[in-house]
Amino acid sequence: MPTRILPAVGDADAVRSLTTLLSQLPDAEPVAPVADSTQLVDTLARLAAESVDELPEVVVVHERIGPVPALELIREVALRFPAVGVILVTSDASPGLFQAAMDYGARGLVALPLGYEELASRVQAVAQWSTGVRRHLGAGVDVFTGVGGRVVTVSGAKGGVGTTLTAVQLALAAQASGRSTALVDMDLQTGDIASYLDVQFRRSVVDLAGITDISPRVLADAVFRHDTGVALLLAPAEGERGEDVTDRATRQIVSALRSRFEIVVIDCGAQLGGAGAAAVEMADTALLVTTPDVIAVRGAKRAVRMWDRLQIRKAEETTVVVNRHTRSTEIQPALIQRITGTAVAATAVPAHFKELQGVVDAGRVHELEAKSTVKQALWGLAGELGLVKPTEGAHRAGRLRGDRGAVGFRRRKEHGTPGKQAGQGG
């Protein structure tokens, strides 16, 4: 059986050199190379969704891959796709880097300039290892497989648009449907999730920032299990400590959470720092919350353009959520979509703060009544995004409706048509 090899190389000259050598290896089947870290993870996730057997046996990561650094990318691939063997191609073949690559999950290292014999030897060894792992998986060994949990970031176009409320309710909806859910407060200086849920807990995301290998036990010690079942990873009580959470630490933390929970919801706040940028970049779904007013929409447009300039997220890969929507406002979701160039969620959240004031002031947002139109809209948004486990009845209803909810959202996406907005906000 041929060995499928996926090169991840950002440099055009390096691509040609590597693919030429790979094509000469015996029983090798190089697949189309990917140019950056995002494309690599997306490709592997798509293949893993079909079957572990669809994944390539070997992934070759070039040291100059970006935007995620090579070692961080190797860690994420190793955590999310344990049946894939990763080889690092680097000009630094020192023992220190070799040890670091192994610690991050690489199965081999090949020095530049590339040599046929060394590359062939490494590919063969890693392919044999990958085949062995898949054999064990096929035998029913209890090993974590698949693409890992789903990460959703919630960012604000500006302060006060409802970012935290949105993140909290999405997490509550996912947990209530039966999915194991983590809610992370990555608004490191001004995070309010603890206040919204009436929680006092001395540990925070900062406690994980300096840990290189976040084991399940270490992660369990850092999270607080709320009465609703949601696992909370809170922002530090002292905002200045948020500086300890670097982009590198964020990637490690998010990868660890993804490997332990089905749904990970991250409140990134309205200010973009290194930690928030790393989270948005890693997210499967990036939400940007705005209200239908000129200042907030300008903020949303500014954020989208900045994410694009910094290569964090493309506009078309971002979904705007319209909060505090009314039918009488001049700025409707369709206009926001044209202004920002993003997708806009079909579910908007209505402007009914009176429903929220009591539970917000009491710090009991999780006790918001089921009949609340704001809660209904936000939990409907969770369904639209696919964060909740669909019941058979809901599945059947979705097929009958066809134009709303998760089913309608997917159909519009597949056909390339932006979702028509029936505004709601909250």
Protein backbone atom coordinates (compact mmCIF):
# COMPACT_ATOMS: atom_id res chain seq x y z
CA MET A 1 0.00 0.00 0.00
CA PRO A 2 1.49 3.39 -0.97
CA THR A 3 2.45 5.88 1.76
CA ARG A 4 0.46 9.10 1.51
CA ILE A 5 2.63 12.12 2.31
CA LEU A 6 1.27 15.63 2.81
CA PRO A 7 3.88 18.43 2.57
CA ALA A 8 3.21 21.64 4.49
CA VAL A 9 5.55 24.21 3.00
CA GLY A 10 5.08 27.96 2.58
CA ASP A 11 8.11 28.69 0.39
CA ALA A 12 7.65 28.04 -3.36
CA ASP A 13 11.25 26.90 -3.96
CA ALA A 14 11.12 24.58 -0.97
CA VAL A 15 7.85 23.12 -2.25
CA ARG A 16 9.41 22.17 -5.57
CA SER A 17 12.49 20.69 -3.95
CA LEU A 18 10.53 18.67 -1.41
CA THR A 19 7.84 17.38 -3.75
CA THR A 20 10.45 16.32 -6.30
CA LEU A 21 12.27 14.23 -3.72
CA LEU A 22 9.07 12.80 -2.25
CA SER A 23 7.88 11.69 -5.68
CA GLN A 24 11.08 9.66 -6.06
CA LEU A 25 10.60 7.67 -2.87
CA PRO A 26 9.51 4.04 -3.32
CA ASP A 27 5.80 3.40 -2.66
CA ALA A 28 5.28 7.10 -1.91
CA GLU A 29 2.13 8.97 -2.89
CA PRO A 30 2.67 12.70 -2.30
CA VAL A 31 -0.57 14.66 -2.14
CA ALA A 32 -1.04 18.30 -3.09
CA PRO A 33 1.02 20.46 -0.71
CA VAL A 34 -0.56 23.01 1.63
CA ALA A 35 0.89 26.49 1.99
CA ASP A 36 0.15 27.44 5.59
CA SER A 37 -0.80 26.10 9.00
CA THR A 38 -4.49 26.91 8.67
CA GLN A 39 -4.78 25.03 5.38
CA LEU A 40 -2.99 22.03 6.87
CA VAL A 41 -5.27 21.72 9.88
CA ASP A 42 -8.39 22.29 7.76
CA THR A 43 -7.30 19.61 5.29
CA LEU A 44 -6.61 17.06 8.01
CA ALA A 45 -9.90 17.88 9.75
CA ARG A 46 -11.85 17.36 6.53
CA LEU A 47 -10.18 14.01 5.90
CA ALA A 48 -10.59 12.85 9.50
CA ALA A 49 -14.29 13.68 9.38
CA GLU A 50 -14.63 10.99 6.73
CA SER A 51 -12.42 8.36 8.37
CA VAL A 52 -9.08 7.96 10.11
CA ASP A 53 -8.07 5.83 7.13
CA GLU A 54 -8.43 8.87 4.86
CA LEU A 55 -5.65 10.73 6.66
CA PRO A 56 -2.14 10.73 5.18
CA GLU A 57 0.33 8.53 7.02
CA VAL A 58 3.00 11.24 7.00
CA VAL A 59 2.91 15.04 7.19
CA VAL A 60 6.14 16.90 6.39
CA VAL A 61 6.27 20.35 8.02
CA HIS A 62 8.83 22.88 6.80
CA GLU A 63 10.44 25.12 9.44
CA ARG A 64 9.22 28.29 7.68
CA ILE A 65 5.57 27.33 7.66
CA GLY A 66 3.26 30.05 9.00
CA PRO A 67 1.45 31.84 10.45
CA VAL A 68 1.55 29.33 13.35
CA PRO A 69 5.20 28.44 14.15
CA ALA A 70 6.32 24.98 13.07
CA LEU A 71 6.67 23.47 16.54
CA GLU A 72 3.29 24.80 17.67
CA LEU A 73 1.72 23.42 14.52
CA ILE A 74 3.31 20.02 15.15
CA ARG A 75 1.85 20.00 18.66
CA GLU A 76 -1.64 20.74 17.36
CA VAL A 77 -1.45 18.05 14.67
CA ALA A 78 -0.14 15.50 17.17
CA LEU A 79 -2.97 16.28 19.61
CA ARG A 80 -5.79 16.37 17.10
CA PHE A 81 -4.66 13.67 14.68
CA PRO A 82 -2.68 11.10 16.68
CA ALA A 83 -2.66 8.60 13.80
CA VAL A 84 -0.60 10.97 11.63
CA GLY A 85 3.20 10.97 11.87
CA VAL A 86 4.86 14.38 11.54
CA ILE A 87 8.37 15.05 10.20
CA LEU A 88 10.02 18.46 10.71
CA VAL A 89 12.27 19.76 7.93
CA THR A 90 14.74 22.27 9.35
CA SER A 91 18.13 23.87 8.80
CA ASP A 92 18.87 23.50 12.53
CA ALA A 93 19.63 19.85 13.24
CA SER A 94 21.05 20.51 16.70
CA PRO A 95 20.30 18.08 19.57
CA GLY A 96 18.35 20.85 21.31
CA LEU A 97 15.94 21.34 18.45
CA PHE A 98 15.66 17.58 17.91
CA GLN A 99 14.60 17.15 21.55
CA ALA A 100 12.17 20.06 21.31
CA ALA A 101 10.60 18.62 18.15
CA MET A 102 10.13 15.25 19.87
CA ASP A 103 8.61 16.95 22.91
CA TYR A 104 6.11 18.74 20.67
CA GLY A 105 5.05 15.47 19.03
CA ALA A 106 7.19 15.10 15.89
CA ARG A 107 8.13 11.57 14.89
CA GLY A 108 11.25 12.57 12.97
CA LEU A 109 13.51 15.39 11.84
CA VAL A 110 15.22 15.90 8.48
CA ALA A 111 18.00 18.45 8.02
CA LEU A 112 18.28 20.95 5.19
CA PRO A 113 19.53 20.80 2.51
CA LEU A 114 17.43 17.74 1.81
CA GLY A 115 19.09 14.45 1.01
CA TYR A 116 17.33 11.50 -0.59
CA GLU A 117 18.65 8.81 1.77
CA GLU A 118 17.83 10.66 4.98
CA LEU A 119 14.36 11.67 3.77
CA ALA A 120 13.55 8.15 2.57
CA SER A 121 14.68 6.63 5.86
CA ARG A 122 12.61 9.04 7.98
CA VAL A 123 9.48 8.71 5.84
CA GLN A 124 9.64 4.93 5.94
CA ALA A 125 10.07 4.82 9.73
CA VAL A 126 7.28 7.30 10.38
CA ALA A 127 4.94 5.57 7.92
CA GLN A 128 5.47 2.25 9.71
CA TRP A 129 4.71 3.93 13.04
CA SER A 130 1.53 5.48 11.66
CA THR A 131 0.38 2.16 10.22
CA GLY A 132 0.91 0.52 13.59
CA VAL A 133 -1.13 3.16 15.38
CA ARG A 134 -4.01 2.74 12.94
CA ARG A 135 -3.89 -1.01 13.39
CA HIS A 136 -4.39 -0.54 17.12
CA LEU A 137 -7.19 1.94 16.54
CA GLY A 138 -8.89 -0.52 14.23
CA ALA A 139 -8.64 -3.18 16.94
CA GLY A 140 -10.78 -1.05 19.22
CA VAL A 141 -8.12 0.30 21.56
CA ASP A 142 -9.45 3.27 23.53
CA VAL A 143 -7.39 6.01 21.94
CA PHE A 144 -8.66 9.52 21.23
CA THR A 145 -9.17 9.90 17.50
CA GLY A 146 -10.85 12.29 15.14
CA VAL A 147 -10.52 16.04 14.88
CA GLY A 148 -11.00 16.91 18.54
CA GLY A 149 -13.50 19.32 19.97
CA ARG A 150 -14.89 22.34 18.20
CA VAL A 151 -13.56 25.77 19.13
CA VAL A 152 -15.78 28.86 18.86
CA THR A 153 -14.44 32.32 19.64
CA VAL A 154 -16.73 35.24 20.46
CA SER A 155 -15.26 38.72 19.98
CA GLY A 156 -16.84 42.15 20.26
CA ALA A 157 -16.85 44.92 17.67
CA LYS A 158 -16.51 47.27 20.67
CA GLY A 159 -17.10 47.11 24.39
CA GLY A 160 -20.66 46.67 25.61
CA VAL A 161 -22.14 44.93 22.56
CA GLY A 162 -22.99 41.70 24.43
CA THR A 163 -19.93 39.55 23.78
CA THR A 164 -19.82 37.84 27.18
CA LEU A 165 -23.56 37.21 27.33
CA THR A 166 -23.39 35.62 23.89
CA ALA A 167 -20.45 33.38 24.84
CA VAL A 168 -22.08 32.29 28.10
CA GLN A 169 -25.41 31.40 26.52
CA LEU A 170 -23.79 29.50 23.64
CA ALA A 171 -21.84 27.42 26.16
CA LEU A 172 -24.95 26.81 28.29
CA ALA A 173 -26.91 25.71 25.22
CA ALA A 174 -24.19 23.28 24.14
CA GLN A 175 -23.88 21.78 27.63
CA ALA A 176 -27.65 21.49 28.05
CA SER A 177 -27.86 19.50 24.82
CA GLY A 178 -25.46 16.88 26.19
CA ARG A 179 -22.14 18.05 24.80
CA SER A 180 -19.18 18.39 27.17
CA THR A 181 -18.44 22.12 27.07
CA ALA A 182 -15.69 24.44 28.26
CA LEU A 183 -16.14 28.21 28.52
CA VAL A 184 -12.90 30.22 28.53
CA ASP A 185 -12.54 33.88 29.52
CA MET A 186 -9.75 35.17 27.28
CA ASP A 187 -10.71 38.79 27.96
CA LEU A 188 -7.69 38.79 30.22
CA GLN A 189 -7.88 42.26 31.76
CA THR A 190 -11.61 42.87 31.99
CA GLY A 191 -13.19 39.42 31.80
CA ASP A 192 -16.59 39.12 33.50
CA ILE A 193 -17.64 35.50 33.08
CA ALA A 194 -17.09 34.85 36.79
CA SER A 195 -19.38 37.76 37.64
CA TYR A 196 -22.05 36.68 35.17
CA LEU A 197 -22.16 33.18 36.67
CA ASP A 198 -21.64 34.09 40.35
CA VAL A 199 -18.33 32.21 40.61
CA GLN A 200 -15.38 32.73 42.93
CA PHE A 201 -12.40 30.56 42.02
CA ARG A 202 -8.75 31.24 42.71
CA ARG A 203 -7.34 29.50 39.64
CA SER A 204 -7.37 31.06 36.18
CA VAL A 205 -6.06 30.71 32.66
CA VAL A 206 -2.78 32.26 33.88
CA ASP A 207 -2.06 29.11 35.90
CA LEU A 208 -1.73 27.17 32.65
CA ALA A 209 0.38 29.77 30.83
CA GLY A 210 3.78 28.55 32.02
CA ILE A 211 3.11 24.83 31.66
CA THR A 212 4.68 23.18 28.62
CA ASP A 213 2.76 19.91 28.77
CA ILE A 214 -0.83 20.40 29.96
CA SER A 215 -1.94 16.98 31.16
CA PRO A 216 -5.62 16.13 31.77
CA ARG A 217 -5.03 16.34 35.54
CA VAL A 218 -3.37 19.76 35.30
CA LEU A 219 -6.25 20.99 33.14
CA ALA A 220 -8.83 19.60 35.56
CA ASP A 221 -7.17 21.47 38.44
CA ALA A 222 -7.37 24.77 36.55
CA VAL A 223 -11.03 24.65 35.51
CA PHE A 224 -14.08 25.24 37.67
CA ARG A 225 -17.06 22.96 37.14
CA HIS A 226 -20.16 25.15 37.28
CA ASP A 227 -23.51 23.90 38.57
CA THR A 228 -24.74 23.80 34.97
CA GLY A 229 -21.96 21.34 34.07
CA VAL A 230 -19.98 23.83 32.00
CA ALA A 231 -16.23 23.77 32.72
CA LEU A 232 -15.01 27.33 33.29
CA LEU A 233 -11.47 28.56 32.68
CA LEU A 234 -11.57 32.08 34.06
CA ALA A 235 -9.65 35.30 33.49
CA PRO A 236 -7.27 36.33 36.28
CA ALA A 237 -8.64 38.47 39.10
CA GLU A 238 -5.62 40.75 38.67
CA GLY A 239 -5.83 42.02 35.10
CA GLU A 240 -2.11 42.78 34.85
CA ARG A 241 -1.37 39.05 35.13
CA GLY A 242 -3.03 38.56 31.76
CA GLU A 243 0.26 39.55 30.14
CA ASP A 244 1.61 36.14 31.15
CA VAL A 245 -0.75 34.47 28.68
CA THR A 246 1.19 34.65 25.42
CA ASP A 247 0.05 33.54 21.99
CA ARG A 248 2.14 30.39 22.41
CA ALA A 249 0.55 29.61 25.78
CA THR A 250 -2.89 30.21 24.26
CA ARG A 251 -2.28 27.68 21.51
CA GLN A 252 -1.25 25.08 24.07
CA ILE A 253 -4.26 25.81 26.27
CA VAL A 254 -6.75 25.73 23.40
CA SER A 255 -5.26 22.49 22.03
CA ALA A 256 -5.50 20.89 25.49
CA LEU A 257 -9.13 21.98 25.88
CA ARG A 258 -9.99 20.81 22.37
CA SER A 259 -8.68 17.34 23.22
CA ARG A 260 -10.89 17.08 26.35
CA PHE A 261 -14.17 18.80 25.43
CA GLU A 262 -16.59 18.53 22.53
CA ILE A 263 -17.27 22.28 22.50
CA VAL A 264 -14.88 25.05 23.59
CA VAL A 265 -16.36 28.57 23.67
CA ILE A 266 -13.85 31.40 24.15
CA ASP A 267 -14.82 34.95 25.12
CA CYS A 268 -12.11 37.13 23.52
CA GLY A 269 -13.58 40.49 24.50
CA ALA A 270 -13.27 43.59 22.33
CA GLN A 271 -9.51 44.23 22.63
CA LEU A 272 -7.19 42.17 20.44
CA GLY A 273 -4.00 40.97 22.10
CA GLY A 274 -1.64 38.13 21.28
CA ALA A 275 -3.70 35.59 23.24
CA GLY A 276 -6.99 36.58 21.62
CA ALA A 277 -5.44 36.64 18.16
CA ALA A 278 -4.08 33.11 18.61
CA ALA A 279 -7.48 31.88 19.79
CA VAL A 280 -9.32 33.45 16.83
CA GLU A 281 -6.76 32.00 14.45
CA MET A 282 -7.24 28.48 15.85
CA ALA A 283 -11.03 28.67 16.02
CA ASP A 284 -13.28 26.50 13.89
CA THR A 285 -15.88 29.28 14.09
CA ALA A 286 -15.05 32.93 14.82
CA LEU A 287 -17.99 35.11 15.83
CA LEU A 288 -17.90 38.90 15.91
CA VAL A 289 -20.74 40.48 17.90
CA THR A 290 -22.04 43.90 16.95
CA THR A 291 -25.07 46.04 17.61
CA PRO A 292 -26.95 47.70 14.71
CA ASP A 293 -25.56 51.20 15.19
CA VAL A 294 -23.00 53.17 13.22
CA ILE A 295 -20.24 53.14 15.85
CA ALA A 296 -20.41 49.39 16.50
CA VAL A 297 -20.64 48.49 12.81
CA ARG A 298 -17.62 50.66 12.09
CA GLY A 299 -15.84 48.81 14.88
CA ALA A 300 -16.81 45.48 13.33
CA LYS A 301 -15.48 46.55 9.94
CA ARG A 302 -12.27 47.78 11.56
CA ALA A 303 -11.80 44.47 13.41
CA VAL A 304 -12.41 42.38 10.30
CA ARG A 305 -9.89 44.39 8.29
CA MET A 306 -7.31 44.15 11.07
CA TRP A 307 -7.74 40.36 11.34
CA ASP A 308 -7.22 40.14 7.59
CA ARG A 309 -4.11 42.36 7.60
CA LEU A 310 -2.56 40.35 10.43
CA GLN A 311 -3.48 37.07 8.68
CA ILE A 312 -5.52 36.00 11.68
CA ARG A 313 -8.80 35.46 9.87
CA LYS A 314 -10.25 36.26 6.48
CA ALA A 315 -13.47 38.25 6.32
CA GLU A 316 -15.35 35.42 4.64
CA GLU A 317 -14.29 33.07 7.47
CA THR A 318 -15.84 35.34 10.12
CA THR A 319 -19.50 35.32 11.17
CA VAL A 320 -21.09 38.49 12.53
CA VAL A 321 -23.82 38.17 15.15
CA VAL A 322 -26.24 41.09 15.35
CA ASN A 323 -27.29 41.86 18.91
CA ARG A 324 -30.06 44.19 20.17
CA HIS A 325 -31.82 44.13 16.86
CA THR A 326 -35.14 45.82 16.20
CA ARG A 327 -37.13 45.87 13.01
CA SER A 328 -37.30 49.66 13.07
CA THR A 329 -33.55 50.29 13.02
CA GLU A 330 -32.10 51.62 9.78
CA ILE A 331 -29.07 49.30 9.96
CA GLN A 332 -30.30 45.81 9.22
CA PRO A 333 -28.19 42.59 9.10
CA ALA A 334 -28.05 42.57 5.29
CA LEU A 335 -26.44 46.01 5.32
CA ILE A 336 -23.95 44.91 7.99
CA GLN A 337 -23.03 41.97 5.80
CA ARG A 338 -22.28 44.26 2.86
CA ILE A 339 -20.27 46.67 5.00
CA THR A 340 -18.10 44.06 6.72
CA GLY A 341 -17.80 41.52 3.91
CA THR A 342 -18.48 38.72 6.38
CA ALA A 343 -21.17 36.14 6.77
CA VAL A 344 -23.96 37.24 9.11
CA ALA A 345 -25.75 34.74 11.31
CA ALA A 346 -29.33 34.16 10.28
CA THR A 347 -30.29 34.37 13.95
CA ALA A 348 -30.20 37.89 15.34
CA VAL A 349 -30.78 38.67 19.02
CA PRO A 350 -33.65 41.02 19.96
CA ALA A 351 -33.25 44.16 22.04
CA HIS A 352 -34.95 43.19 25.33
CA PHE A 353 -32.62 44.24 28.11
CA LYS A 354 -35.44 44.20 30.68
CA GLU A 355 -35.42 40.41 30.39
CA LEU A 356 -31.73 40.40 31.30
CA GLN A 357 -31.35 43.11 33.92
CA GLY A 358 -32.37 41.03 36.93
CA VAL A 359 -30.16 38.01 36.22
CA VAL A 360 -27.22 40.16 35.12
CA ASP A 361 -27.34 42.27 38.30
CA ALA A 362 -27.63 39.11 40.42
CA GLY A 363 -24.81 37.37 38.56
CA ARG A 364 -27.17 34.52 37.64
CA VAL A 365 -27.26 34.69 33.85
CA HIS A 366 -27.58 30.90 33.76
CA GLU A 367 -31.01 31.27 35.39
CA LEU A 368 -32.45 33.37 32.55
CA GLU A 369 -35.97 32.14 31.95
CA ALA A 370 -36.59 29.81 29.05
CA LYS A 371 -39.36 32.07 27.75
CA SER A 372 -36.92 34.96 27.37
CA THR A 373 -36.75 36.00 23.73
CA VAL A 374 -33.06 36.83 24.15
CA LYS A 375 -32.30 33.34 25.48
CA GLN A 376 -34.38 31.73 22.76
CA ALA A 377 -32.46 33.65 20.12
CA LEU A 378 -29.03 32.85 21.55
CA TRP A 379 -29.85 29.17 21.98
CA GLY A 380 -31.25 29.23 18.45
CA LEU A 381 -27.91 30.68 17.34
CA ALA A 382 -26.17 27.75 19.05
CA GLY A 383 -28.33 25.42 16.99
CA GLU A 384 -27.59 27.34 13.81
CA LEU A 385 -23.87 26.99 14.46
CA GLY A 386 -24.18 23.27 15.16
CA LEU A 387 -23.08 23.52 18.81
CA VAL A 388 -25.99 21.54 20.22
CA LYS A 389 -26.83 17.88 19.80
CA PRO A 390 -29.84 17.76 17.50
CA THR A 391 -32.74 15.64 18.67
CA GLU A 392 -34.53 13.51 16.14
CA GLY A 393 -37.56 15.79 16.38
CA ALA A 394 -35.46 18.89 15.82
CA HIS A 395 -33.68 17.21 12.95
CA ARG A 396 -37.00 16.42 11.30
CA ALA A 397 -38.30 19.94 11.92
CA GLY A 398 -35.13 21.40 10.45
CA ARG A 399 -35.61 19.40 7.28
CA LEU A 400 -39.18 20.63 7.02
CA ARG A 401 -38.27 24.30 7.61
CA GLY A 402 -35.25 24.25 5.32
CA ASP A 403 -34.67 28.01 5.54
CA ARG A 404 -33.69 28.48 9.20
CA GLY A 405 -31.48 27.02 11.89
CA ALA A 406 -28.50 24.76 11.40
CA VAL A 407 -29.93 22.97 8.38
CA GLY A 408 -30.76 26.17 6.53
CA PHE A 409 -27.42 27.72 7.48
CA ARG A 410 -25.52 24.78 6.02
CA ARG A 411 -27.60 24.79 2.84
CA ARG A 412 -26.89 28.46 2.26
CA LYS A 413 -23.21 27.92 2.89
CA GLU A 414 -23.03 24.98 0.50
CA HIS A 415 -24.70 26.99 -2.24
CA GLY A 416 -22.53 30.04 -1.62
CA THR A 417 -25.49 32.28 -0.80
CA PRO A 418 -25.17 34.62 2.20
CA GLY A 419 -27.79 33.89 4.84
CA LYS A 420 -30.74 36.27 4.74
CA GLN A 421 -30.99 37.96 8.05
CA ALA A 422 -34.13 37.96 10.09
CA GLY A 423 -32.60 40.30 12.64
CA GLN A 424 -32.59 39.58 16.31
CA GLY A 425 -29.99 40.77 18.89
CA GLY A 426 -29.43 40.62 22.68
